[in-house]
Amino acid sequence: MFLGRFSHNLDAKGRLAIPAKFRAAVADGLVVTRGIDRCLSVYPLAAWQSFADRLSALSKTDSDVRLFQRMVFAEAMDEVLDGQGRIVVPPELRRYAGIEREATIVGMNTHIEIWEPARWEALSAAVEDEGASIAQRLADLI
């Protein structure tokens, strides 16, 4: 389970430290790909396989399915933690998310998101302003 928010810097080689409390869950490997909201999504291998299987089972005749599959699979990279608990975030993915030097790492229960800090702060501010109405709209789904 991934919970919490952390700030870390990337080094000159594009390596990013995964928070220590998340490392055991991704010790066997992980997949990094584009997230939906211009962030990066990081999945432990088992969660990735489940997500990938569900996505692959969708109808190939639906153009939205094909576009989403291309976005997710074409940019996906499998990684392993180095001895210091870091992963390499490829330049293409850093560009997509707007991540340069700093990153905000967010636990999302089953996976991790990596955000450019200003984007995360803007999203957080919007949620603070709209939190009550969002909760009300989702009340029947939870």
C-alpha atoms as a PDB file:
ATOM      1  CA  MET A   1       0.000   0.000   0.000  1.00  0.00           C
ATOM      2  CA  PHE A   2       1.347   3.406  -1.011  1.00  0.00           C
ATOM      3  CA  LEU A   3       0.328   6.348   1.171  1.00  0.00           C
ATOM      4  CA  GLY A   4       1.773   9.804   1.732  1.00  0.00           C
ATOM      5  CA  ARG A   5       3.559  12.568  -0.155  1.00  0.00           C
ATOM      6  CA  PHE A   6       7.296  13.119  -0.431  1.00  0.00           C
ATOM      7  CA  SER A   7       9.656  15.571  -2.122  1.00  0.00           C
ATOM      8  CA  HIS A   8      12.881  14.364  -3.718  1.00  0.00           C
ATOM      9  CA  ASN A   9      15.423  15.759  -6.163  1.00  0.00           C
ATOM     10  CA  LEU A  10      16.590  14.039  -9.327  1.00  0.00           C
ATOM     11  CA  ASP A  11      20.325  13.833  -9.818  1.00  0.00           C
ATOM     12  CA  ALA A  12      22.166  14.828 -13.005  1.00  0.00           C
ATOM     13  CA  LYS A  13      21.597  11.341 -14.469  1.00  0.00           C
ATOM     14  CA  GLY A  14      17.830  11.522 -13.968  1.00  0.00           C
ATOM     15  CA  ARG A  15      17.798   9.182 -10.972  1.00  0.00           C
ATOM     16  CA  LEU A  16      15.058   9.626  -8.408  1.00  0.00           C
ATOM     17  CA  ALA A  17      14.992   8.086  -4.938  1.00  0.00           C
ATOM     18  CA  ILE A  18      11.852   6.137  -4.171  1.00  0.00           C
ATOM     19  CA  PRO A  19      10.717   6.889  -0.596  1.00  0.00           C
ATOM     20  CA  ALA A  20      12.085   4.313   1.834  1.00  0.00           C
ATOM     21  CA  LYS A  21       8.618   3.254   2.996  1.00  0.00           C
ATOM     22  CA  PHE A  22       7.692   2.329  -0.623  1.00  0.00           C
ATOM     23  CA  ARG A  23      10.827   0.382  -1.523  1.00  0.00           C
ATOM     24  CA  ALA A  24       9.845  -3.051  -0.221  1.00  0.00           C
ATOM     25  CA  ALA A  25       6.715  -3.033  -2.400  1.00  0.00           C
ATOM     26  CA  VAL A  26       8.764  -2.382  -5.558  1.00  0.00           C
ATOM     27  CA  ALA A  27      11.870  -4.389  -4.647  1.00  0.00           C
ATOM     28  CA  ASP A  28      11.099  -6.996  -7.330  1.00  0.00           C
ATOM     29  CA  GLY A  29      10.809  -4.335 -10.017  1.00  0.00           C
ATOM     30  CA  LEU A  30       8.393  -1.715 -11.234  1.00  0.00           C
ATOM     31  CA  VAL A  31       7.006  -0.077 -14.339  1.00  0.00           C
ATOM     32  CA  VAL A  32       7.009   3.673 -14.931  1.00  0.00           C
ATOM     33  CA  THR A  33       4.708   5.171 -17.556  1.00  0.00           C
ATOM     34  CA  ARG A  34       2.685   8.246 -18.398  1.00  0.00           C
ATOM     35  CA  GLY A  35      -0.058   9.117 -15.965  1.00  0.00           C
ATOM     36  CA  ILE A  36      -3.322  10.634 -17.083  1.00  0.00           C
ATOM     37  CA  ASP A  37      -2.861  14.128 -15.611  1.00  0.00           C
ATOM     38  CA  ARG A  38       0.650  14.923 -16.914  1.00  0.00           C
ATOM     39  CA  CYS A  39       2.256  13.020 -14.077  1.00  0.00           C
ATOM     40  CA  LEU A  40       4.069   9.689 -14.093  1.00  0.00           C
ATOM     41  CA  SER A  41       2.564   6.470 -12.763  1.00  0.00           C
ATOM     42  CA  VAL A  42       4.734   3.839 -11.078  1.00  0.00           C
ATOM     43  CA  TYR A  43       3.382   0.320 -10.586  1.00  0.00           C
ATOM     44  CA  PRO A  44       4.850  -2.643  -8.731  1.00  0.00           C
ATOM     45  CA  LEU A  45       5.092  -5.548 -11.178  1.00  0.00           C
ATOM     46  CA  ALA A  46       2.004  -7.392  -9.885  1.00  0.00           C
ATOM     47  CA  ALA A  47      -0.166  -4.247  -9.998  1.00  0.00           C
ATOM     48  CA  TRP A  48       1.190  -3.424 -13.455  1.00  0.00           C
ATOM     49  CA  GLN A  49       0.340  -6.882 -14.765  1.00  0.00           C
ATOM     50  CA  SER A  50      -3.216  -6.612 -13.470  1.00  0.00           C
ATOM     51  CA  PHE A  51      -3.637  -3.125 -14.970  1.00  0.00           C
ATOM     52  CA  ALA A  52      -2.029  -4.143 -18.269  1.00  0.00           C
ATOM     53  CA  ASP A  53      -4.233  -7.242 -18.535  1.00  0.00           C
ATOM     54  CA  ARG A  54      -7.398  -5.200 -17.982  1.00  0.00           C
ATOM     55  CA  LEU A  55      -6.282  -2.565 -20.483  1.00  0.00           C
ATOM     56  CA  SER A  56      -5.313  -5.184 -23.069  1.00  0.00           C
ATOM     57  CA  ALA A  57      -8.711  -6.875 -22.746  1.00  0.00           C
ATOM     58  CA  LEU A  58     -10.572  -3.759 -23.913  1.00  0.00           C
ATOM     59  CA  SER A  59     -11.945  -3.657 -27.445  1.00  0.00           C
ATOM     60  CA  LYS A  60      -9.347  -2.822 -30.091  1.00  0.00           C
ATOM     61  CA  THR A  61     -12.143  -1.483 -32.292  1.00  0.00           C
ATOM     62  CA  ASP A  62     -12.608   1.494 -29.943  1.00  0.00           C
ATOM     63  CA  SER A  63     -10.317   4.335 -31.021  1.00  0.00           C
ATOM     64  CA  ASP A  64     -10.113   5.727 -27.467  1.00  0.00           C
ATOM     65  CA  VAL A  65      -8.898   2.339 -26.247  1.00  0.00           C
ATOM     66  CA  ARG A  66      -6.192   2.226 -28.898  1.00  0.00           C
ATOM     67  CA  LEU A  67      -5.046   5.769 -28.122  1.00  0.00           C
ATOM     68  CA  PHE A  68      -4.931   5.119 -24.375  1.00  0.00           C
ATOM     69  CA  GLN A  69      -3.069   1.824 -24.870  1.00  0.00           C
ATOM     70  CA  ARG A  70      -0.503   3.605 -27.027  1.00  0.00           C
ATOM     71  CA  MET A  71      -0.043   6.327 -24.419  1.00  0.00           C
ATOM     72  CA  VAL A  72       0.432   3.820 -21.614  1.00  0.00           C
ATOM     73  CA  PHE A  73       2.399   1.011 -23.263  1.00  0.00           C
ATOM     74  CA  ALA A  74       4.605   2.942 -25.705  1.00  0.00           C
ATOM     75  CA  GLU A  75       6.151   5.041 -22.954  1.00  0.00           C
ATOM     76  CA  ALA A  76       6.297   2.333 -20.261  1.00  0.00           C
ATOM     77  CA  MET A  77       9.713   1.394 -18.896  1.00  0.00           C
ATOM     78  CA  ASP A  78      10.524  -1.455 -16.562  1.00  0.00           C
ATOM     79  CA  GLU A  79      12.987  -0.528 -13.852  1.00  0.00           C
ATOM     80  CA  VAL A  80      14.639  -1.941 -10.755  1.00  0.00           C
ATOM     81  CA  LEU A  81      15.838  -0.023  -7.730  1.00  0.00           C
ATOM     82  CA  ASP A  82      19.554   0.553  -7.563  1.00  0.00           C
ATOM     83  CA  GLY A  83      21.517   0.010  -4.352  1.00  0.00           C
ATOM     84  CA  GLN A  84      20.421   3.412  -3.048  1.00  0.00           C
ATOM     85  CA  GLY A  85      16.724   2.896  -3.764  1.00  0.00           C
ATOM     86  CA  ARG A  86      16.675   5.013  -6.931  1.00  0.00           C
ATOM     87  CA  ILE A  87      15.211   4.549 -10.395  1.00  0.00           C
ATOM     88  CA  VAL A  88      16.182   6.235 -13.633  1.00  0.00           C
ATOM     89  CA  VAL A  89      13.362   8.385 -14.963  1.00  0.00           C
ATOM     90  CA  PRO A  90      13.839   8.464 -18.752  1.00  0.00           C
ATOM     91  CA  PRO A  91      14.109  11.918 -20.383  1.00  0.00           C
ATOM     92  CA  GLU A  92      10.931  11.380 -22.466  1.00  0.00           C
ATOM     93  CA  LEU A  93       8.895  10.738 -19.341  1.00  0.00           C
ATOM     94  CA  ARG A  94      10.477  13.663 -17.495  1.00  0.00           C
ATOM     95  CA  ARG A  95       9.577  15.940 -20.412  1.00  0.00           C
ATOM     96  CA  TYR A  96       5.989  14.660 -20.500  1.00  0.00           C
ATOM     97  CA  ALA A  97       5.503  15.366 -16.778  1.00  0.00           C
ATOM     98  CA  GLY A  98       7.524  18.607 -16.806  1.00  0.00           C
ATOM     99  CA  ILE A  99       9.901  17.240 -14.182  1.00  0.00           C
ATOM    100  CA  GLU A 100      13.330  18.827 -14.180  1.00  0.00           C
ATOM    101  CA  ARG A 101      15.136  18.852 -10.853  1.00  0.00           C
ATOM    102  CA  GLU A 102      12.511  18.290  -8.162  1.00  0.00           C
ATOM    103  CA  ALA A 103       9.645  15.810  -7.931  1.00  0.00           C
ATOM    104  CA  THR A 104       6.703  15.237  -5.647  1.00  0.00           C
ATOM    105  CA  ILE A 105       6.081  11.538  -5.062  1.00  0.00           C
ATOM    106  CA  VAL A 106       2.529  10.652  -4.080  1.00  0.00           C
ATOM    107  CA  GLY A 107       1.222   7.347  -2.777  1.00  0.00           C
ATOM    108  CA  MET A 108      -1.996   6.303  -4.508  1.00  0.00           C
ATOM    109  CA  ASN A 109      -2.727   3.098  -2.569  1.00  0.00           C
ATOM    110  CA  THR A 110      -1.978   0.607  -5.394  1.00  0.00           C
ATOM    111  CA  HIS A 111       0.590   2.688  -7.257  1.00  0.00           C
ATOM    112  CA  ILE A 112       2.742   5.813  -7.026  1.00  0.00           C
ATOM    113  CA  GLU A 113       2.479   9.080  -8.929  1.00  0.00           C
ATOM    114  CA  ILE A 114       5.437  11.383  -9.644  1.00  0.00           C
ATOM    115  CA  TRP A 115       4.588  15.047 -10.165  1.00  0.00           C
ATOM    116  CA  GLU A 116       6.328  18.253 -11.082  1.00  0.00           C
ATOM    117  CA  PRO A 117       5.950  20.152  -7.765  1.00  0.00           C
ATOM    118  CA  ALA A 118       4.124  23.228  -9.128  1.00  0.00           C
ATOM    119  CA  ARG A 119       1.597  21.019 -10.930  1.00  0.00           C
ATOM    120  CA  TRP A 120       1.017  19.049  -7.738  1.00  0.00           C
ATOM    121  CA  GLU A 121       0.530  22.249  -5.737  1.00  0.00           C
ATOM    122  CA  ALA A 122      -1.978  23.578  -8.301  1.00  0.00           C
ATOM    123  CA  LEU A 123      -3.898  20.307  -8.181  1.00  0.00           C
ATOM    124  CA  SER A 124      -3.842  20.315  -4.369  1.00  0.00           C
ATOM    125  CA  ALA A 125      -5.164  23.877  -4.286  1.00  0.00           C
ATOM    126  CA  ALA A 126      -7.995  22.969  -6.658  1.00  0.00           C
ATOM    127  CA  VAL A 127      -8.917  19.978  -4.513  1.00  0.00           C
ATOM    128  CA  GLU A 128      -8.937  22.150  -1.396  1.00  0.00           C
ATOM    129  CA  ASP A 129     -11.299  24.608  -3.093  1.00  0.00           C
ATOM    130  CA  GLU A 130     -13.568  21.918  -4.569  1.00  0.00           C
ATOM    131  CA  GLY A 131     -13.162  19.093  -2.038  1.00  0.00           C
ATOM    132  CA  ALA A 132     -16.667  19.238  -0.607  1.00  0.00           C
ATOM    133  CA  SER A 133     -18.391  19.264  -3.995  1.00  0.00           C
ATOM    134  CA  ILE A 134     -16.136  16.477  -5.298  1.00  0.00           C
ATOM    135  CA  ALA A 135     -16.950  14.355  -2.246  1.00  0.00           C
ATOM    136  CA  GLN A 136     -20.653  14.980  -2.745  1.00  0.00           C
ATOM    137  CA  ARG A 137     -20.502  13.915  -6.424  1.00  0.00           C
ATOM    138  CA  LEU A 138     -18.596  10.751  -5.481  1.00  0.00           C
ATOM    139  CA  ALA A 139     -20.678   9.871  -2.420  1.00  0.00           C
ATOM    140  CA  ASP A 140     -22.758   7.273  -4.258  1.00  0.00           C
ATOM    141  CA  LEU A 141     -19.652   5.582  -5.697  1.00  0.00           C
ATOM    142  CA  ILE A 142     -17.773   5.141  -2.435  1.00  0.00           C
END
